Protein backbone atom coordinates (compact mmCIF):
# COMPACT_ATOMS: atom_id res chain seq x y z
CA MET A 1 -25.24 34.56 196.13
CA HIS A 2 -21.66 33.30 195.93
CA PRO A 3 -19.27 35.04 193.18
CA THR A 4 -18.27 31.70 191.71
CA ILE A 5 -21.95 30.52 191.37
CA THR A 6 -22.65 34.07 189.82
CA LYS A 7 -19.89 33.76 187.52
CA MET A 8 -20.58 29.96 186.50
CA ILE A 9 -24.19 30.26 185.54
CA ASP A 10 -22.88 33.02 183.07
CA VAL A 11 -20.04 30.67 181.44
CA VAL A 12 -21.19 27.02 181.72
CA ALA A 13 -23.92 27.64 179.26
CA LYS A 14 -21.63 28.95 176.64
CA GLY A 15 -19.28 25.92 176.82
CA GLU A 16 -16.11 28.15 177.13
CA ALA A 17 -13.77 26.03 178.77
CA ASP A 18 -11.09 28.39 179.12
CA GLN A 19 -13.72 30.58 181.10
CA ILE A 20 -15.04 27.57 183.43
CA ALA A 21 -11.51 26.51 184.24
CA PRO A 22 -10.33 29.40 186.77
CA LEU A 23 -13.80 28.86 188.53
CA LEU A 24 -12.73 25.40 189.28
CA ALA A 25 -10.19 23.86 192.05
CA GLU A 26 -6.53 21.98 190.84
CA ASP A 27 -8.37 18.54 192.29
CA VAL A 28 -11.87 19.29 191.22
CA ARG A 29 -14.11 16.14 190.78
CA PHE A 30 -16.95 16.08 188.29
CA MET A 31 -19.71 13.34 187.82
CA PRO A 32 -22.10 13.28 185.01
CA PRO A 33 -25.23 12.07 184.31
CA THR A 34 -24.12 9.65 181.59
CA TYR A 35 -22.51 7.53 183.44
CA TYR A 36 -20.86 6.03 186.94
CA LYS A 37 -17.04 7.27 186.46
CA THR A 38 -15.57 10.60 187.77
CA TRP A 39 -13.27 13.15 186.34
CA THR A 40 -10.95 14.68 188.19
CA GLY A 41 -8.78 17.47 187.70
CA ARG A 42 -9.16 21.09 186.37
CA GLU A 43 -8.18 20.97 183.17
CA PRO A 44 -10.09 17.80 181.86
CA VAL A 45 -13.27 18.87 183.93
CA ALA A 46 -13.03 22.07 182.07
CA ALA A 47 -12.69 20.31 178.71
CA VAL A 48 -15.86 18.24 179.48
CA LEU A 49 -17.80 21.30 180.73
CA GLY A 50 -17.07 23.00 177.43
CA HIS A 51 -17.81 20.15 175.33
CA VAL A 52 -21.40 20.15 177.18
CA GLY A 53 -22.01 23.78 176.85
CA GLN A 54 -21.79 23.07 173.15
CA VAL A 55 -23.71 19.92 173.28
CA PHE A 56 -27.18 21.52 175.30
CA SER A 57 -29.13 23.96 173.46
CA ASN A 58 -31.64 26.53 174.86
CA PHE A 59 -29.65 25.94 178.09
CA LYS A 60 -30.80 28.07 181.35
CA TYR A 61 -31.05 27.95 184.88
CA ARG A 62 -34.47 27.74 186.60
CA ARG A 63 -33.82 28.02 189.90
CA VAL A 64 -30.42 28.30 192.24
CA MET A 65 -30.50 26.88 195.94
CA GLY A 66 -27.92 26.92 198.40
CA SER A 67 -25.64 28.86 200.69
CA GLY A 68 -21.96 29.14 201.80
CA ASN A 69 -20.39 26.25 200.18
CA ASP A 70 -23.34 24.02 198.89
CA TRP A 71 -25.31 24.96 196.00
CA ALA A 72 -28.20 22.96 194.01
CA LEU A 73 -28.68 25.10 190.19
CA GLU A 74 -31.94 23.67 188.64
CA PHE A 75 -31.59 23.87 184.86
CA GLU A 76 -33.31 22.74 181.37
CA CYS A 77 -32.06 22.70 178.24
CA LYS A 78 -32.62 20.40 174.62
CA VAL A 79 -30.60 17.76 173.64
CA ASN A 80 -30.75 17.65 169.97
CA ASP A 81 -34.77 17.61 169.72
CA LEU A 82 -35.34 16.15 173.36
CA ASP A 83 -36.05 18.30 176.35
CA ALA A 84 -34.35 17.64 179.91
CA VAL A 85 -34.17 19.03 183.12
CA GLY A 86 -31.57 18.53 185.74
CA VAL A 87 -29.64 19.85 188.68
CA ASP A 88 -25.97 21.00 188.84
CA LEU A 89 -25.08 20.06 192.79
CA ILE A 90 -21.90 22.15 193.46
CA THR A 91 -19.44 22.41 196.33
CA LEU A 92 -16.94 24.85 197.03
CA ASP A 93 -13.88 24.63 198.47
CA ASP A 94 -12.21 27.52 201.28
CA ASP A 95 -10.90 29.49 198.18
CA GLY A 96 -14.35 29.43 196.80
CA LEU A 97 -13.79 27.62 193.90
CA ILE A 98 -15.97 24.29 192.84
CA SER A 99 -14.23 21.44 194.34
CA GLN A 100 -17.15 19.26 193.40
CA PHE A 101 -19.91 19.24 190.48
CA GLU A 102 -22.12 16.59 190.25
CA VAL A 103 -25.20 16.32 187.80
CA ALA A 104 -28.15 14.65 188.11
CA MET A 105 -30.67 14.72 185.15
CA ARG A 106 -33.56 13.25 183.44
CA PRO A 107 -35.58 11.66 181.04
CA HIS A 108 -33.42 8.57 180.44
CA LYS A 109 -33.62 9.24 176.86
CA SER A 110 -32.18 12.47 177.12
CA ILE A 111 -29.35 11.37 178.97
CA GLY A 112 -28.57 8.84 176.25
CA ALA A 113 -28.71 11.23 173.68
CA LEU A 114 -26.27 13.48 175.82
CA ARG A 115 -24.01 10.50 175.84
CA ASP A 116 -24.15 9.69 172.21
CA ALA A 117 -23.57 13.56 170.89
CA MET A 118 -20.69 13.68 173.72
CA ASN A 119 -19.03 10.45 172.31
CA GLU A 120 -19.25 12.12 168.89
CA ARG A 121 -17.50 15.43 169.90
CA VAL A 122 -14.58 14.18 172.71
CA MET A 123 -13.72 11.02 170.12
CA ASN A 124 -12.73 13.37 167.96
CA ASP A 125 -10.96 16.14 169.81
CA PRO A 126 -7.35 15.24 170.54
CA GLY A 127 -6.93 17.75 173.16
CA PHE A 128 -9.83 16.07 175.26
CA LEU A 129 -8.50 12.50 174.45
CA ALA A 130 -5.20 13.16 176.14
CA PHE A 131 -7.32 13.78 179.49
CA LYS A 132 -8.76 10.16 179.35
CA GLY A 133 -6.46 9.21 181.87
CA ALA A 134 -8.23 11.65 184.60
CA LEU A 135 -11.56 9.41 184.34
CA SER A 136 -11.86 7.04 187.53
């Protein structure tokens, strides 16, 4: 397994943006499951992923598939009291950093709970609000 993927598996569930950021390319693009917009840039994406790690509970990766620069990591977790499963689709750049991170997740009810929990967290985080311009 690629060392970036191994490290990401270790740190993403902890929700620590400062440990996630070094794994991300400067111009990383993140596509969340909650809406059809893209976050761009290392700092904002690390901030988003840090908050997600705090919202999910009982998070664990069930399967890791891929090679080279293309990876799919299947996960399960809880959002409040709702079960959820999903897949992180990750592309690494030539330097081995995450250049694209897309999340597909189900069921719909859990995605709605994730959206609500994330909105509640980030709208009260002045540091995060500074990154709203990174959303396109």
